[in-house]
Amino acid sequence: RGEPAAVLMGRWLLGGFSAGSLRQVGMVANITLFYDALLDVHAGPWVVSDAELRCVGGAVIRACEWGELDVQRSTIAGVGREDHSRAASGVMAMDFANVRILA
């Protein structure tokens, strides 16, 4: 604990048959299409905890197909308050996906 968190730049695809966890990371991306996402979850289970998830433009999280994601003690947001620095949406879930936001 005490060490600075890694900052992961760009979009992330957690594809079919994948599972795991991301802890104490910062994730940021500039998304040009509103339906694209910073974190695109198609499988699972995945756990994201104690993280900063931020993007400009698209969704911060998109879960689809059989995506399964638990988000714990994390920030889901744009990078600023101005219109040009906001995310289009925080979480999108479709198909059979499951996203849980936990305190």
N, C-alpha and C. Protein backbone atom coordinates (compact mmCIF):
# COMPACT_ATOMS: atom_id res chain seq x y z
N ARG A 1 0.86 -1.18 0.00
CA ARG A 1 0.00 0.00 0.00
C ARG A 1 0.89 1.22 0.00
N GLY A 2 0.87 2.31 -0.03
CA GLY A 2 1.80 3.40 0.00
C GLY A 2 2.48 3.70 -1.32
N GLU A 3 2.65 2.73 -2.18
CA GLU A 3 3.24 2.97 -3.48
C GLU A 3 2.20 3.54 -4.43
N PRO A 4 2.63 4.37 -5.41
CA PRO A 4 1.65 4.91 -6.35
C PRO A 4 1.04 3.81 -7.21
N ALA A 5 -0.24 3.98 -7.54
CA ALA A 5 -0.94 3.00 -8.37
C ALA A 5 -0.48 3.11 -9.82
N ALA A 6 -0.50 2.00 -10.52
CA ALA A 6 -0.22 1.99 -11.94
C ALA A 6 -1.36 2.70 -12.67
N VAL A 7 -1.05 3.41 -13.74
CA VAL A 7 -2.07 4.05 -14.57
C VAL A 7 -2.04 3.36 -15.93
N LEU A 8 -3.16 2.75 -16.28
CA LEU A 8 -3.29 2.00 -17.53
C LEU A 8 -4.00 2.89 -18.53
N MET A 9 -3.38 3.18 -19.65
CA MET A 9 -3.92 4.09 -20.64
C MET A 9 -4.57 3.30 -21.77
N GLY A 10 -5.73 3.78 -22.24
CA GLY A 10 -6.38 3.16 -23.38
C GLY A 10 -7.49 2.21 -22.98
N ARG A 11 -8.14 1.66 -24.00
CA ARG A 11 -9.27 0.76 -23.80
C ARG A 11 -8.79 -0.63 -23.42
N TRP A 12 -9.61 -1.34 -22.63
CA TRP A 12 -9.28 -2.69 -22.19
C TRP A 12 -10.43 -3.63 -22.53
N LEU A 13 -10.13 -4.74 -23.18
CA LEU A 13 -11.11 -5.77 -23.52
C LEU A 13 -10.82 -7.00 -22.68
N LEU A 14 -11.79 -7.37 -21.85
CA LEU A 14 -11.70 -8.59 -21.06
C LEU A 14 -12.57 -9.61 -21.78
N GLY A 15 -11.96 -10.37 -22.68
CA GLY A 15 -12.67 -11.17 -23.66
C GLY A 15 -13.13 -12.53 -23.16
N GLY A 16 -13.71 -13.29 -24.10
CA GLY A 16 -14.29 -14.59 -23.81
C GLY A 16 -13.35 -15.52 -23.06
N PHE A 17 -13.87 -16.23 -22.08
CA PHE A 17 -13.16 -17.21 -21.25
C PHE A 17 -12.12 -16.58 -20.33
N SER A 18 -12.14 -15.27 -20.17
CA SER A 18 -11.18 -14.62 -19.26
C SER A 18 -11.83 -14.40 -17.90
N ALA A 19 -11.00 -14.27 -16.88
CA ALA A 19 -11.44 -14.00 -15.52
C ALA A 19 -10.25 -13.46 -14.76
N GLY A 20 -10.49 -12.72 -13.68
CA GLY A 20 -9.38 -12.22 -12.89
C GLY A 20 -9.75 -10.99 -12.09
N SER A 21 -8.72 -10.22 -11.73
CA SER A 21 -8.96 -9.02 -10.93
C SER A 21 -7.96 -7.93 -11.29
N LEU A 22 -8.41 -6.71 -11.10
CA LEU A 22 -7.56 -5.52 -11.25
C LEU A 22 -7.70 -4.75 -9.94
N ARG A 23 -6.58 -4.51 -9.26
CA ARG A 23 -6.62 -3.84 -7.97
C ARG A 23 -5.66 -2.67 -7.94
N GLN A 24 -6.11 -1.61 -7.30
CA GLN A 24 -5.30 -0.41 -7.08
C GLN A 24 -4.65 0.10 -8.36
N VAL A 25 -5.48 0.29 -9.38
CA VAL A 25 -4.99 0.84 -10.64
C VAL A 25 -5.81 2.07 -11.01
N GLY A 26 -5.23 2.89 -11.85
CA GLY A 26 -5.95 3.97 -12.50
C GLY A 26 -6.10 3.58 -13.96
N MET A 27 -7.27 3.76 -14.53
CA MET A 27 -7.49 3.47 -15.94
C MET A 27 -8.11 4.71 -16.57
N VAL A 28 -7.58 5.11 -17.72
CA VAL A 28 -8.08 6.31 -18.38
C VAL A 28 -7.98 6.16 -19.89
N ALA A 29 -8.98 6.68 -20.60
CA ALA A 29 -8.97 6.63 -22.07
C ALA A 29 -9.81 7.75 -22.64
N ASN A 30 -9.46 8.15 -23.85
CA ASN A 30 -10.25 9.10 -24.62
C ASN A 30 -10.99 8.28 -25.67
N ILE A 31 -12.31 8.16 -25.53
CA ILE A 31 -13.13 7.30 -26.39
C ILE A 31 -13.84 8.19 -27.41
N THR A 32 -13.68 7.88 -28.68
CA THR A 32 -14.27 8.73 -29.71
C THR A 32 -15.71 8.35 -30.06
N LEU A 33 -16.11 7.10 -29.84
CA LEU A 33 -17.47 6.67 -30.14
C LEU A 33 -18.23 6.43 -28.85
N PHE A 34 -19.43 6.98 -28.74
CA PHE A 34 -20.16 6.93 -27.47
C PHE A 34 -20.49 5.51 -27.02
N TYR A 35 -20.52 4.54 -27.94
CA TYR A 35 -20.86 3.16 -27.56
C TYR A 35 -19.63 2.31 -27.26
N ASP A 36 -18.43 2.84 -27.43
CA ASP A 36 -17.22 2.14 -27.01
C ASP A 36 -17.00 2.38 -25.52
N ALA A 37 -16.09 1.61 -24.92
CA ALA A 37 -15.90 1.70 -23.48
C ALA A 37 -14.43 1.61 -23.08
N LEU A 38 -14.14 2.19 -21.94
CA LEU A 38 -12.82 2.05 -21.32
C LEU A 38 -12.58 0.59 -20.95
N LEU A 39 -13.54 -0.01 -20.27
CA LEU A 39 -13.44 -1.39 -19.82
C LEU A 39 -14.59 -2.18 -20.42
N ASP A 40 -14.27 -3.06 -21.35
CA ASP A 40 -15.26 -3.83 -22.10
C ASP A 40 -15.20 -5.28 -21.63
N VAL A 41 -16.24 -5.73 -20.92
CA VAL A 41 -16.22 -7.02 -20.24
C VAL A 41 -17.15 -8.00 -20.96
N HIS A 42 -16.60 -9.11 -21.46
CA HIS A 42 -17.38 -10.11 -22.18
C HIS A 42 -17.43 -11.45 -21.46
N ALA A 43 -16.71 -11.60 -20.36
CA ALA A 43 -16.63 -12.87 -19.65
C ALA A 43 -16.45 -12.59 -18.16
N GLY A 44 -16.03 -13.57 -17.42
CA GLY A 44 -15.79 -13.36 -16.00
C GLY A 44 -15.84 -14.67 -15.24
N PRO A 45 -15.78 -14.53 -13.94
CA PRO A 45 -15.95 -13.31 -13.16
C PRO A 45 -14.67 -12.45 -13.13
N TRP A 46 -14.89 -11.14 -13.12
CA TRP A 46 -13.85 -10.14 -12.95
C TRP A 46 -14.17 -9.31 -11.72
N VAL A 47 -13.13 -8.87 -11.02
CA VAL A 47 -13.28 -7.96 -9.87
C VAL A 47 -12.34 -6.79 -10.09
N VAL A 48 -12.88 -5.59 -9.97
CA VAL A 48 -12.08 -4.36 -9.98
C VAL A 48 -12.26 -3.72 -8.62
N SER A 49 -11.14 -3.48 -7.92
CA SER A 49 -11.26 -2.90 -6.58
C SER A 49 -10.25 -1.79 -6.37
N ASP A 50 -10.66 -0.80 -5.57
CA ASP A 50 -9.80 0.33 -5.20
C ASP A 50 -9.16 0.96 -6.44
N ALA A 51 -9.98 1.23 -7.45
CA ALA A 51 -9.48 1.72 -8.73
C ALA A 51 -10.13 3.05 -9.11
N GLU A 52 -9.48 3.77 -10.02
CA GLU A 52 -10.02 4.99 -10.64
C GLU A 52 -10.26 4.65 -12.09
N LEU A 53 -11.53 4.59 -12.50
CA LEU A 53 -11.90 4.29 -13.89
C LEU A 53 -12.48 5.56 -14.49
N ARG A 54 -11.77 6.16 -15.44
CA ARG A 54 -12.19 7.45 -16.00
C ARG A 54 -12.01 7.45 -17.51
N CYS A 55 -12.99 8.06 -18.20
CA CYS A 55 -12.83 8.23 -19.64
C CYS A 55 -13.56 9.48 -20.11
N VAL A 56 -13.17 9.91 -21.29
CA VAL A 56 -13.83 11.00 -22.00
C VAL A 56 -14.55 10.37 -23.18
N GLY A 57 -15.81 10.71 -23.36
CA GLY A 57 -16.54 10.23 -24.53
C GLY A 57 -17.45 9.07 -24.24
N GLY A 58 -16.99 7.85 -24.43
CA GLY A 58 -17.84 6.66 -24.34
C GLY A 58 -18.21 6.27 -22.93
N ALA A 59 -18.53 4.99 -22.77
CA ALA A 59 -18.89 4.44 -21.46
C ALA A 59 -17.62 4.12 -20.67
N VAL A 60 -17.70 4.25 -19.37
CA VAL A 60 -16.59 3.81 -18.53
C VAL A 60 -16.54 2.28 -18.53
N ILE A 61 -17.70 1.64 -18.31
CA ILE A 61 -17.77 0.18 -18.29
C ILE A 61 -18.89 -0.27 -19.23
N ARG A 62 -18.59 -1.26 -20.08
CA ARG A 62 -19.62 -1.92 -20.88
C ARG A 62 -19.47 -3.41 -20.66
N ALA A 63 -20.54 -4.04 -20.20
CA ALA A 63 -20.54 -5.48 -20.01
C ALA A 63 -21.58 -6.07 -20.97
N CYS A 64 -21.19 -7.10 -21.71
CA CYS A 64 -22.11 -7.72 -22.65
C CYS A 64 -21.82 -9.21 -22.72
N GLU A 65 -22.63 -9.91 -23.50
CA GLU A 65 -22.56 -11.35 -23.62
C GLU A 65 -22.69 -11.95 -22.22
N TRP A 66 -21.69 -12.67 -21.72
CA TRP A 66 -21.74 -13.30 -20.40
C TRP A 66 -20.82 -12.57 -19.43
N GLY A 67 -20.60 -11.27 -19.65
CA GLY A 67 -19.73 -10.51 -18.78
C GLY A 67 -20.21 -10.49 -17.34
N GLU A 68 -19.27 -10.65 -16.42
CA GLU A 68 -19.57 -10.63 -14.99
C GLU A 68 -18.51 -9.81 -14.29
N LEU A 69 -18.92 -8.71 -13.65
CA LEU A 69 -17.98 -7.77 -13.07
C LEU A 69 -18.49 -7.27 -11.73
N ASP A 70 -17.64 -7.32 -10.71
CA ASP A 70 -17.88 -6.67 -9.42
C ASP A 70 -16.92 -5.49 -9.32
N VAL A 71 -17.44 -4.31 -9.02
CA VAL A 71 -16.62 -3.11 -8.84
C VAL A 71 -16.72 -2.72 -7.37
N GLN A 72 -15.58 -2.69 -6.68
CA GLN A 72 -15.55 -2.44 -5.24
C GLN A 72 -14.70 -1.21 -4.94
N ARG A 73 -15.24 -0.32 -4.12
CA ARG A 73 -14.49 0.86 -3.63
C ARG A 73 -13.75 1.57 -4.75
N SER A 74 -14.43 1.86 -5.85
CA SER A 74 -13.78 2.45 -7.02
C SER A 74 -14.55 3.65 -7.55
N THR A 75 -13.86 4.51 -8.27
CA THR A 75 -14.45 5.67 -8.92
C THR A 75 -14.77 5.32 -10.36
N ILE A 76 -15.99 5.65 -10.80
CA ILE A 76 -16.43 5.48 -12.18
C ILE A 76 -16.86 6.87 -12.64
N ALA A 77 -16.10 7.49 -13.56
CA ALA A 77 -16.39 8.89 -13.88
C ALA A 77 -15.70 9.33 -15.17
N GLY A 78 -16.03 10.56 -15.58
CA GLY A 78 -15.28 11.23 -16.63
C GLY A 78 -14.01 11.79 -16.02
N VAL A 79 -13.28 12.59 -16.78
CA VAL A 79 -12.04 13.15 -16.25
C VAL A 79 -12.20 14.57 -15.74
N GLY A 80 -13.35 15.20 -15.98
CA GLY A 80 -13.58 16.56 -15.51
C GLY A 80 -15.05 16.92 -15.55
N ARG A 81 -15.36 18.14 -15.14
CA ARG A 81 -16.75 18.59 -15.08
C ARG A 81 -17.24 19.22 -16.37
N GLU A 82 -16.33 19.68 -17.21
CA GLU A 82 -16.71 20.33 -18.45
C GLU A 82 -17.32 19.29 -19.40
N ASP A 83 -18.23 19.74 -20.28
CA ASP A 83 -18.88 18.82 -21.21
C ASP A 83 -17.90 18.01 -22.03
N HIS A 84 -16.81 18.60 -22.48
CA HIS A 84 -15.85 17.92 -23.34
C HIS A 84 -14.97 16.91 -22.58
N SER A 85 -15.09 16.83 -21.25
CA SER A 85 -14.27 15.90 -20.49
C SER A 85 -15.10 14.89 -19.68
N ARG A 86 -16.36 14.73 -20.07
CA ARG A 86 -17.25 13.78 -19.39
C ARG A 86 -17.36 12.47 -20.15
N ALA A 87 -17.69 11.41 -19.42
CA ALA A 87 -18.01 10.13 -20.05
C ALA A 87 -19.44 10.21 -20.57
N ALA A 88 -19.75 9.47 -21.63
CA ALA A 88 -21.12 9.42 -22.14
C ALA A 88 -22.03 8.66 -21.18
N SER A 89 -21.49 7.61 -20.53
CA SER A 89 -22.25 6.87 -19.52
C SER A 89 -21.28 6.18 -18.57
N GLY A 90 -21.77 5.86 -17.40
CA GLY A 90 -20.94 5.18 -16.41
C GLY A 90 -20.86 3.70 -16.67
N VAL A 91 -22.03 3.03 -16.69
CA VAL A 91 -22.09 1.58 -16.86
C VAL A 91 -23.17 1.23 -17.87
N MET A 92 -22.84 0.38 -18.83
CA MET A 92 -23.82 -0.20 -19.75
C MET A 92 -23.74 -1.71 -19.58
N ALA A 93 -24.88 -2.35 -19.37
CA ALA A 93 -24.93 -3.81 -19.27
C ALA A 93 -25.99 -4.31 -20.24
N MET A 94 -25.66 -5.34 -21.01
CA MET A 94 -26.60 -5.88 -21.99
C MET A 94 -26.43 -7.38 -22.11
N ASP A 95 -27.29 -8.01 -22.89
CA ASP A 95 -27.28 -9.45 -23.08
C ASP A 95 -27.48 -10.13 -21.72
N PHE A 96 -26.59 -11.02 -21.33
CA PHE A 96 -26.71 -11.74 -20.06
C PHE A 96 -25.70 -11.24 -19.03
N ALA A 97 -25.16 -10.05 -19.24
CA ALA A 97 -24.11 -9.52 -18.39
C ALA A 97 -24.63 -9.13 -17.01
N ASN A 98 -23.71 -9.12 -16.05
CA ASN A 98 -24.02 -8.77 -14.67
C ASN A 98 -22.92 -7.85 -14.15
N VAL A 99 -23.29 -6.64 -13.72
CA VAL A 99 -22.34 -5.70 -13.12
C VAL A 99 -22.87 -5.32 -11.75
N ARG A 100 -22.04 -5.48 -10.74
CA ARG A 100 -22.41 -5.09 -9.38
C ARG A 100 -21.46 -4.02 -8.90
N ILE A 101 -22.01 -2.92 -8.39
CA ILE A 101 -21.24 -1.84 -7.82
C ILE A 101 -21.35 -1.97 -6.31
N LEU A 102 -20.24 -2.22 -5.63
CA LEU A 102 -20.24 -2.49 -4.19
C LEU A 102 -19.44 -1.43 -3.45
N ALA A 103 -19.87 -1.14 -2.24
CA ALA A 103 -19.18 -0.13 -1.40
C ALA A 103 -17.88 -0.66 -0.87
